[in-house]
Amino acid sequence: MSFKSLGLSEALLKAIQKKGYTTPSPIQQKAIPPVLLGVDVLASAQTGTGKTAGFTLPLLHLLSENPKAKYRPIRALILTPTRELAAQVYANVREYSEFLNIRSAVIFGGVNQKPQAATIRQGVDVLVATPGRLLDLESQGLLSLKRVEIFVLDEADRMLDMGFLRDIERVMKLMPEKRQNLMFSATFSKDIKKLANGILNQPVQVEATPENSTVDAINQKIYRVAKSKKAALLLKLIIEGQWEQVLVFTRTKHGANNLTKKLLGANISAAAIHGNKSQGARTKALKGFKNGTISVLVATDIAARGLDIPLLPHVVNYEIPNISEDYVHRIGRTGRAGAKGEAVSLVCTEELGYLRDIEKLVGIKIPTETLEGFEPDPNEPNAPKKQGQGRNRNSRAGNSNSKGRNNQKKKEGNKPNSNSRNRNSRRSRN
């Protein structure tokens, strides 16, 4: 199947060809035709499968078929959970609309709102946004969603994880009832299906891969190791394996900072990205990682969500996640677009419960080995497994701050100010 056979315009085909793509991915083959028909779509696609193009291409086609030349209201809204994902989606919109008379913009918190508001005033067809900044600008009268024709909720599962349900409901009330809705998620959990029932109208459901499966192109491996020896083992793997580009996940911001210091102390170029980093620092770190000046990027789950790093060879779970679905999202940063990748997890005794939950979710027994000199500590306690732990998104286990995962995720933005406990402070950090 070719992109042309999907019914896309010549201008879009030209942009696709310029990017070097020849054959649509499975999710693109399944999602693009119903979107072009104007129906609502609920799509499940693993990260790295080309799902962004699965909604951007037909969205741009529909808008270009019915242009609004004189006045450009916001006709398509793409809502994403994080700044990094918003920036990535916006970049794709810009690339694919290169030969179309379509204007687009992206808005998110952590940066000055004035340039964003000025761009919107000039007229925007497609707006990519995080919930907080979107609602902030709307409440100030700086944008209107009354003319939205197509609404896209991207990474819907992460939206729920981060506590954005009420914000999503508020955004829904600001748009016309008659519109096309597209929802993309890595999983079809009960919560996602419940959310879909409140947004979508008789949707076509498409799925590119079995729910919660992991990409076949990713070579997964577990190293059993003492907790105190994780940093030393990571250094050994990077140095002896001559890894030049590796994305490392930690559970907490504090852990990311500490690990980055250890890597820098070993003369390994590294940087951390997490919610307490300014948007400028996060953008600089990601740019350095992509261009090769930084070898190791240490990230928390929220900051890394939606990162598109071409041909990323290695992902390391320095600490495996206590929410099993996050494992799928993490390792999905490698093995993208058919490329090979390796996902390594360093697992100490107290994390064995999390590992069992992950293996149950993905349906495979992940190969495990132990390296001499890095054996697990026999005196290390095996944390008791609490009821609902692992797949339960409200699990409080594994969070070093003991305040619950949802609370941690809401804080994963810019460093809060002294009045950051109110609702507006969360929006300003998105």
Protein backbone atom coordinates (compact mmCIF):
# COMPACT_ATOMS: atom_id res chain seq x y z
CA MET A 1 0.00 0.00 0.00
CA SER A 2 1.22 3.50 -0.84
CA PHE A 3 0.39 6.88 0.70
CA LYS A 4 -1.22 7.85 -2.60
CA SER A 5 -3.66 4.95 -2.35
CA LEU A 6 -4.91 6.37 0.98
CA GLY A 7 -6.39 9.36 -0.85
CA LEU A 8 -4.08 12.11 0.38
CA SER A 9 -3.59 15.29 -1.63
CA GLU A 10 -0.63 15.85 -3.94
CA ALA A 11 0.74 18.57 -1.67
CA LEU A 12 0.83 16.13 1.25
CA LEU A 13 2.34 13.39 -0.90
CA LYS A 14 5.09 15.82 -1.89
CA ALA A 15 5.85 16.57 1.77
CA ILE A 16 5.83 12.87 2.64
CA GLN A 17 8.23 12.12 -0.20
CA LYS A 18 10.52 14.93 0.95
CA LYS A 19 10.72 13.29 4.39
CA GLY A 20 11.77 10.06 2.70
CA TYR A 21 8.72 7.96 3.59
CA THR A 22 7.44 5.51 0.99
CA THR A 23 5.04 3.13 2.71
CA PRO A 24 2.51 3.98 5.42
CA SER A 25 2.86 2.18 8.74
CA PRO A 26 0.06 -0.14 9.93
CA ILE A 27 -1.52 2.51 12.16
CA GLN A 28 -1.41 5.02 9.29
CA GLN A 29 -3.04 2.51 6.94
CA LYS A 30 -5.84 1.89 9.45
CA ALA A 31 -6.39 5.40 10.81
CA ILE A 32 -6.05 7.69 7.81
CA PRO A 33 -9.02 6.40 5.72
CA PRO A 34 -11.69 6.78 8.45
CA VAL A 35 -10.33 10.20 9.45
CA LEU A 36 -10.61 11.32 5.82
CA LEU A 37 -14.23 10.16 5.88
CA GLY A 38 -14.87 12.59 8.71
CA VAL A 39 -15.84 10.03 11.36
CA ASP A 40 -14.59 9.85 14.94
CA VAL A 41 -11.66 7.51 15.57
CA LEU A 42 -10.35 5.73 18.66
CA ALA A 43 -6.85 4.48 17.91
CA SER A 44 -4.43 2.40 19.93
CA ALA A 45 -0.85 2.51 18.72
CA GLN A 46 2.43 1.81 20.38
CA THR A 47 5.02 4.58 20.49
CA GLY A 48 7.27 4.65 17.45
CA THR A 49 4.62 3.33 15.05
CA GLY A 50 4.00 6.60 13.22
CA LYS A 51 0.72 7.45 14.95
CA THR A 52 1.36 11.22 14.80
CA ALA A 53 1.25 11.13 11.02
CA GLY A 54 -1.82 8.92 11.37
CA PHE A 55 -3.84 11.93 12.47
CA THR A 56 -1.80 14.89 11.17
CA LEU A 57 -1.88 13.90 7.50
CA PRO A 58 -5.65 13.41 7.16
CA LEU A 59 -6.34 16.41 9.41
CA LEU A 60 -4.30 18.66 7.13
CA HIS A 61 -5.98 17.16 4.07
CA LEU A 62 -9.45 17.94 5.42
CA LEU A 63 -8.56 21.51 6.37
CA SER A 64 -6.90 22.25 3.02
CA GLU A 65 -9.97 20.93 1.14
CA ASN A 66 -12.09 23.64 2.79
CA PRO A 67 -9.82 26.67 3.30
CA LYS A 68 -10.76 29.75 5.32
CA ALA A 69 -8.73 32.38 3.44
CA LYS A 70 -9.69 35.70 5.00
CA TYR A 71 -9.99 34.95 8.70
CA ARG A 72 -8.19 32.00 10.24
CA PRO A 73 -9.92 30.78 13.38
CA ILE A 74 -8.55 27.73 15.18
CA ARG A 75 -10.08 24.91 13.15
CA ALA A 76 -8.11 21.98 14.54
CA LEU A 77 -6.93 21.50 18.12
CA ILE A 78 -4.36 18.87 19.05
CA LEU A 79 -4.11 18.43 22.82
CA THR A 80 -0.99 16.76 24.26
CA PRO A 81 0.10 16.06 27.85
CA THR A 82 3.65 17.43 27.77
CA ARG A 83 5.66 20.28 26.28
CA GLU A 84 8.08 17.94 24.52
CA LEU A 85 5.29 16.04 22.81
CA ALA A 86 3.56 19.27 21.84
CA ALA A 87 6.75 20.55 20.23
CA GLN A 88 7.25 17.27 18.38
CA VAL A 89 3.70 17.15 17.05
CA TYR A 90 3.96 20.78 15.97
CA ALA A 91 7.19 20.02 14.10
CA ASN A 92 5.38 17.25 12.22
CA VAL A 93 2.47 19.53 11.38
CA ARG A 94 4.89 22.11 10.01
CA GLU A 95 6.75 19.55 7.90
CA TYR A 96 3.66 17.93 6.42
CA SER A 97 1.94 21.26 5.67
CA GLU A 98 4.97 22.75 3.91
CA PHE A 99 3.20 22.84 0.54
CA LEU A 100 -0.22 23.76 1.93
CA ASN A 101 -1.77 27.12 2.77
CA ILE A 102 -2.09 26.12 6.42
CA ARG A 103 -0.91 28.05 9.46
CA SER A 104 -0.07 26.29 12.70
CA ALA A 105 1.17 27.17 16.16
CA VAL A 106 2.14 25.49 19.42
CA ILE A 107 1.51 26.74 22.96
CA PHE A 108 2.72 25.36 26.30
CA GLY A 109 3.76 26.66 29.68
CA GLY A 110 7.23 27.41 30.98
CA VAL A 111 7.85 30.12 28.40
CA ASN A 112 6.59 33.66 27.78
CA GLN A 113 2.98 33.61 26.58
CA LYS A 114 3.18 36.90 24.63
CA PRO A 115 4.78 35.48 21.44
CA GLN A 116 2.29 32.60 21.51
CA ALA A 117 -0.67 34.96 21.86
CA ALA A 118 0.70 37.20 19.07
CA THR A 119 0.92 34.24 16.69
CA ILE A 120 -2.65 33.20 17.44
CA ARG A 121 -3.90 36.75 16.81
CA GLN A 122 -2.45 36.58 13.29
CA GLY A 123 -4.66 33.57 12.52
CA VAL A 124 -3.99 29.89 13.10
CA ASP A 125 -5.62 26.88 11.43
CA VAL A 126 -4.01 24.18 13.59
CA LEU A 127 -3.17 24.68 17.26
CA VAL A 128 -1.07 22.19 19.22
CA ALA A 129 -1.34 22.76 22.96
CA THR A 130 -0.94 21.45 26.48
CA PRO A 131 -4.06 21.80 28.64
CA GLY A 132 -2.75 24.34 31.14
CA ARG A 133 -1.51 27.03 28.75
CA LEU A 134 -4.53 26.52 26.51
CA LEU A 135 -6.99 27.18 29.33
CA ASP A 136 -4.90 30.09 30.61
CA LEU A 137 -4.94 31.90 27.26
CA GLU A 138 -8.62 31.14 26.71
CA SER A 139 -9.54 32.51 30.14
CA GLN A 140 -7.69 35.73 29.24
CA GLY A 141 -9.66 36.04 26.01
CA LEU A 142 -6.53 35.52 23.90
CA LEU A 143 -7.91 32.59 21.91
CA SER A 144 -11.25 31.03 21.04
CA LEU A 145 -12.13 27.39 20.39
CA LYS A 146 -15.65 28.14 19.09
CA ARG A 147 -14.71 27.31 15.49
CA VAL A 148 -12.86 24.03 16.08
CA GLU A 149 -13.82 21.42 13.49
CA ILE A 150 -11.38 18.65 14.46
CA PHE A 151 -10.26 17.79 17.98
CA VAL A 152 -7.34 15.42 18.59
CA LEU A 153 -6.55 14.04 22.03
CA ASP A 154 -3.05 12.60 21.79
CA GLU A 155 -1.52 10.29 24.42
CA ALA A 156 -4.89 10.10 26.15
CA ASP A 157 -3.65 7.50 28.64
CA ARG A 158 -0.90 9.85 29.81
CA MET A 159 -3.41 12.67 30.09
CA LEU A 160 -5.33 10.62 32.62
CA ASP A 161 -2.13 9.62 34.43
CA MET A 162 -1.25 13.27 34.91
CA GLY A 163 -4.64 14.20 36.30
CA PHE A 164 -5.86 16.24 33.32
CA LEU A 165 -9.37 14.79 33.18
CA ARG A 166 -11.04 17.96 34.49
CA ASP A 167 -9.00 20.12 32.13
CA ILE A 168 -10.06 17.94 29.20
CA GLU A 169 -13.68 18.31 30.26
CA ARG A 170 -13.28 22.10 30.42
CA VAL A 171 -11.72 22.19 26.95
CA MET A 172 -14.60 20.10 25.57
CA LYS A 173 -17.12 22.69 26.75
CA LEU A 174 -15.27 25.44 24.87
CA MET A 175 -15.66 23.74 21.47
CA PRO A 176 -18.71 23.28 19.23
CA GLU A 177 -20.67 20.09 19.84
CA LYS A 178 -20.55 19.29 16.15
CA ARG A 179 -16.97 18.38 15.34
CA GLN A 180 -14.78 15.41 14.46
CA ASN A 181 -12.95 13.79 17.38
CA LEU A 182 -9.82 11.66 17.25
CA MET A 183 -8.36 9.95 20.31
CA PHE A 184 -4.95 8.26 20.26
CA SER A 185 -3.63 6.18 23.13
CA ALA A 186 -0.96 3.56 23.70
CA THR A 187 -3.48 1.42 25.58
CA PHE A 188 -7.21 0.70 25.61
CA SER A 189 -7.66 0.61 29.37
CA LYS A 190 -11.08 0.80 31.04
CA ASP A 191 -10.43 4.44 31.91
CA ILE A 192 -9.57 5.27 28.30
CA LYS A 193 -12.72 3.59 27.01
CA LYS A 194 -14.77 5.49 29.59
CA LEU A 195 -13.18 8.77 28.49
CA ALA A 196 -13.79 7.87 24.85
CA ASN A 197 -17.49 7.31 25.53
CA GLY A 198 -17.76 10.90 26.73
CA ILE A 199 -15.92 12.41 23.76
CA LEU A 200 -16.34 10.25 20.68
CA ASN A 201 -19.50 9.71 18.64
CA GLN A 202 -19.81 6.16 17.27
CA PRO A 203 -16.06 5.93 16.68
CA VAL A 204 -14.21 3.62 14.37
CA GLN A 205 -11.75 1.69 16.57
CA VAL A 206 -8.35 0.90 15.09
CA GLU A 207 -5.41 -0.90 16.63
CA ALA A 208 -1.95 -1.29 15.15
CA THR A 209 -0.53 -3.80 17.62
CA PRO A 210 -1.93 -6.03 20.36
CA GLU A 211 -2.72 -4.01 23.48
CA ASN A 212 0.33 -3.36 25.65
CA SER A 213 2.64 -5.41 23.42
CA THR A 214 6.26 -4.38 23.00
CA VAL A 215 7.93 -3.73 19.66
CA ASP A 216 9.52 -6.86 18.18
CA ALA A 217 12.52 -4.84 17.03
CA ILE A 218 13.52 -4.14 20.64
CA ASN A 219 15.96 -6.52 22.30
CA GLN A 220 14.94 -6.56 25.97
CA LYS A 221 17.28 -7.61 28.76
CA ILE A 222 17.29 -7.62 32.56
CA TYR A 223 20.40 -7.32 34.73
CA ARG A 224 19.89 -8.39 38.33
CA VAL A 225 22.06 -6.12 40.44
CA ALA A 226 22.51 -4.81 43.97
CA LYS A 227 20.84 -1.44 44.39
CA SER A 228 24.11 0.13 45.55
CA LYS A 229 25.91 -1.09 42.41
CA LYS A 230 23.50 0.17 39.75
CA ALA A 231 25.53 3.27 38.89
CA ALA A 232 28.74 1.26 38.54
CA LEU A 233 27.01 -1.29 36.31
CA LEU A 234 25.56 1.44 34.11
CA LEU A 235 29.02 2.95 33.69
CA LYS A 236 30.41 -0.46 32.76
CA LEU A 237 27.72 -1.02 30.14
CA ILE A 238 28.21 2.43 28.60
CA ILE A 239 32.00 2.35 28.56
CA GLU A 240 32.62 -1.27 27.56
CA GLY A 241 29.72 -1.28 25.11
CA GLN A 242 30.91 2.04 23.65
CA TRP A 243 27.38 3.36 23.79
CA GLU A 244 27.30 6.79 22.21
CA GLN A 245 23.61 7.53 22.73
CA VAL A 246 21.54 6.16 25.59
CA LEU A 247 18.33 7.33 27.24
CA VAL A 248 18.20 6.45 30.96
CA PHE A 249 15.02 6.48 33.04
CA THR A 250 14.77 7.17 36.76
CA ARG A 251 11.63 7.35 38.88
CA THR A 252 12.35 10.71 40.50
CA LYS A 253 13.80 14.11 39.64
CA HIS A 254 16.24 13.82 42.54
CA GLY A 255 17.41 10.46 41.24
CA ALA A 256 17.91 11.88 37.75
CA ASN A 257 20.07 14.70 39.11
CA ASN A 258 22.20 12.38 41.24
CA LEU A 259 22.80 9.91 38.43
CA THR A 260 23.73 12.71 36.03
CA LYS A 261 26.36 13.96 38.50
CA LYS A 262 27.87 10.48 38.71
CA LEU A 263 28.04 10.17 34.93
CA LEU A 264 29.66 13.59 34.58
CA GLY A 265 32.13 12.61 37.31
CA ALA A 266 33.13 9.64 35.16
CA ASN A 267 33.76 11.97 32.18
CA ILE A 268 30.62 10.86 30.36
CA SER A 269 28.69 13.70 28.75
CA ALA A 270 25.25 13.64 30.33
CA ALA A 271 22.25 15.85 31.07
CA ALA A 272 18.99 15.46 32.96
CA ILE A 273 15.50 16.47 31.91
CA HIS A 274 12.61 16.58 34.36
CA GLY A 275 9.89 18.86 35.62
CA ASN A 276 12.12 21.10 37.72
CA LYS A 277 14.24 21.98 34.69
CA SER A 278 13.26 25.12 32.79
CA GLN A 279 11.88 24.68 29.29
CA GLY A 280 15.07 26.22 27.92
CA ALA A 281 17.25 23.73 29.79
CA ARG A 282 15.12 20.81 28.63
CA THR A 283 15.23 21.96 25.02
CA LYS A 284 19.01 22.47 25.18
CA ALA A 285 19.56 19.02 26.70
CA LEU A 286 17.41 17.32 24.09
CA LYS A 287 19.13 19.19 21.27
CA GLY A 288 22.55 18.15 22.59
CA PHE A 289 21.40 14.55 22.86
CA LYS A 290 20.14 14.52 19.30
CA ASN A 291 23.25 16.14 17.79
CA GLY A 292 25.67 13.93 19.74
CA THR A 293 27.26 16.45 22.11
CA ILE A 294 25.48 14.67 24.98
CA SER A 295 25.79 10.89 25.16
CA VAL A 296 23.44 10.12 28.03
CA LEU A 297 20.08 11.74 28.66
CA VAL A 298 18.67 10.96 32.10
CA ALA A 299 14.93 11.50 32.28
CA THR A 300 11.82 10.99 34.35
CA ASP A 301 8.73 9.50 32.71
CA ILE A 302 6.86 12.76 32.29
CA ALA A 303 9.73 14.67 30.70
CA ALA A 304 10.52 11.88 28.26
CA ARG A 305 6.98 11.22 27.09
CA GLY A 306 6.67 11.88 23.37
CA LEU A 307 10.39 12.30 22.70
CA ASP A 308 11.13 11.41 19.11
CA ILE A 309 14.80 10.53 18.80
CA PRO A 310 15.57 8.91 15.45
CA LEU A 311 17.47 5.61 15.58
CA LEU A 312 17.98 5.71 19.35
CA PRO A 313 19.96 2.51 20.01
CA HIS A 314 19.75 2.12 23.80
CA VAL A 315 17.20 2.70 26.56
CA VAL A 316 18.05 1.87 30.17
CA ASN A 317 15.59 1.53 33.02
CA TYR A 318 17.91 2.53 35.85
CA GLU A 319 14.85 2.07 38.03
CA ILE A 320 11.99 0.08 36.54
CA PRO A 321 8.60 1.77 36.78
CA ASN A 322 6.06 0.77 39.39
CA ILE A 323 3.30 1.24 36.82
CA SER A 324 3.67 -1.56 34.30
CA GLU A 325 2.33 0.33 31.27
CA ASP A 326 5.13 2.89 31.68
CA TYR A 327 7.64 0.16 30.83
CA VAL A 328 6.07 -0.14 27.38
CA HIS A 329 6.20 3.62 26.89
CA ARG A 330 9.80 3.86 28.06
CA ILE A 331 11.30 1.15 25.89
CA GLY A 332 9.24 2.41 22.96
CA ARG A 333 11.69 5.30 22.67
CA THR A 334 13.98 2.82 20.84
CA GLY A 335 13.14 0.40 18.04
CA ARG A 336 11.16 3.12 16.27
CA ALA A 337 10.06 3.05 12.66
CA GLY A 338 11.43 -0.45 12.16
CA ALA A 339 14.93 0.28 13.49
CA LYS A 340 16.61 -2.11 15.94
CA GLY A 341 17.02 -1.11 19.55
CA GLU A 342 18.04 -2.42 22.95
CA ALA A 343 16.20 -1.94 26.23
CA VAL A 344 18.14 -2.79 29.39
CA SER A 345 16.65 -2.80 32.89
CA LEU A 346 18.70 -2.79 36.09
CA VAL A 347 16.61 -4.63 38.67
CA CYS A 348 17.40 -4.91 42.37
CA THR A 349 15.65 -7.25 44.80
CA GLU A 350 13.06 -4.74 45.96
CA GLU A 351 11.91 -4.24 42.35
CA LEU A 352 11.16 -7.90 41.61
CA GLY A 353 7.44 -7.36 42.23
CA TYR A 354 7.37 -4.62 39.62
CA LEU A 355 9.24 -6.88 37.18
CA ARG A 356 6.70 -9.67 37.58
CA ASP A 357 3.88 -7.20 36.85
CA ILE A 358 5.68 -5.95 33.73
CA GLU A 359 6.28 -9.47 32.38
CA LYS A 360 2.63 -10.32 32.98
CA LEU A 361 1.54 -7.21 31.10
CA VAL A 362 3.78 -7.66 28.04
CA GLY A 363 3.26 -11.41 28.00
CA ILE A 364 6.89 -12.50 27.84
CA LYS A 365 9.64 -13.64 30.18
CA ILE A 366 12.41 -11.08 29.72
CA PRO A 367 15.91 -12.64 29.52
CA THR A 368 17.80 -12.09 32.78
CA GLU A 369 21.47 -12.30 33.67
CA THR A 370 23.87 -11.30 36.42
CA LEU A 371 27.38 -9.95 35.88
CA GLU A 372 30.23 -10.96 38.16
CA GLY A 373 30.93 -8.33 40.77
CA PHE A 374 27.43 -6.83 40.49
CA GLU A 375 25.38 -9.62 42.06
CA PRO A 376 22.19 -8.75 43.98
CA ASP A 377 22.69 -8.09 47.67
CA PRO A 378 21.32 -11.08 49.64
CA ASN A 379 20.58 -8.75 52.57
CA GLU A 380 18.55 -6.37 50.47
CA PRO A 381 14.87 -6.49 51.45
CA ASN A 382 12.31 -7.70 48.97
CA ALA A 383 9.58 -5.09 49.15
CA PRO A 384 6.19 -6.67 49.86
CA LYS A 385 3.74 -6.44 47.01
CA LYS A 386 0.67 -4.43 47.87
CA GLN A 387 -2.73 -5.25 46.48
CA GLY A 388 -3.26 -3.55 43.11
CA GLN A 389 0.42 -2.66 42.76
CA GLY A 390 2.00 -2.59 39.32
CA ARG A 391 -0.86 -2.13 36.89
CA ASN A 392 -2.86 0.06 39.24
CA ARG A 393 -2.29 3.62 38.11
CA ASN A 394 -2.99 4.92 41.58
CA SER A 395 -0.27 2.79 43.17
CA ARG A 396 1.78 4.66 45.75
CA ALA A 397 4.58 2.14 45.86
CA GLY A 398 7.96 3.01 44.43
CA ASN A 399 7.68 6.77 44.84
CA SER A 400 10.50 7.94 47.04
CA ASN A 401 8.42 10.92 48.13
CA SER A 402 5.59 8.58 49.29
CA LYS A 403 2.97 11.02 47.97
CA GLY A 404 1.56 8.85 45.21
CA ARG A 405 2.30 8.66 41.54
CA ASN A 406 -0.50 10.93 40.41
CA ASN A 407 0.63 13.68 42.75
CA GLN A 408 4.19 13.27 41.53
CA LYS A 409 3.11 13.52 37.92
CA LYS A 410 1.17 16.71 38.51
CA LYS A 411 4.34 18.25 39.86
CA GLU A 412 6.39 17.20 36.86
CA GLY A 413 6.53 20.64 35.29
CA ASN A 414 8.46 23.77 36.08
CA LYS A 415 9.49 24.27 39.71
CA PRO A 416 6.34 25.46 41.48
CA ASN A 417 6.10 28.84 43.12
CA SER A 418 5.03 29.42 46.70
CA ASN A 419 1.36 29.35 45.73
CA SER A 420 1.68 26.25 43.58
CA ARG A 421 -0.94 24.21 45.34
CA ASN A 422 -3.81 25.76 43.45
CA ARG A 423 -5.13 24.62 40.11
CA ASN A 424 -3.67 27.45 38.07
CA SER A 425 -0.15 26.57 39.13
CA ARG A 426 -0.46 23.17 37.53
CA ARG A 427 -1.58 24.70 34.29
CA SER A 428 1.34 27.10 34.20
CA ARG A 429 3.75 24.22 34.34
CA ASN A 430 2.46 22.38 31.27
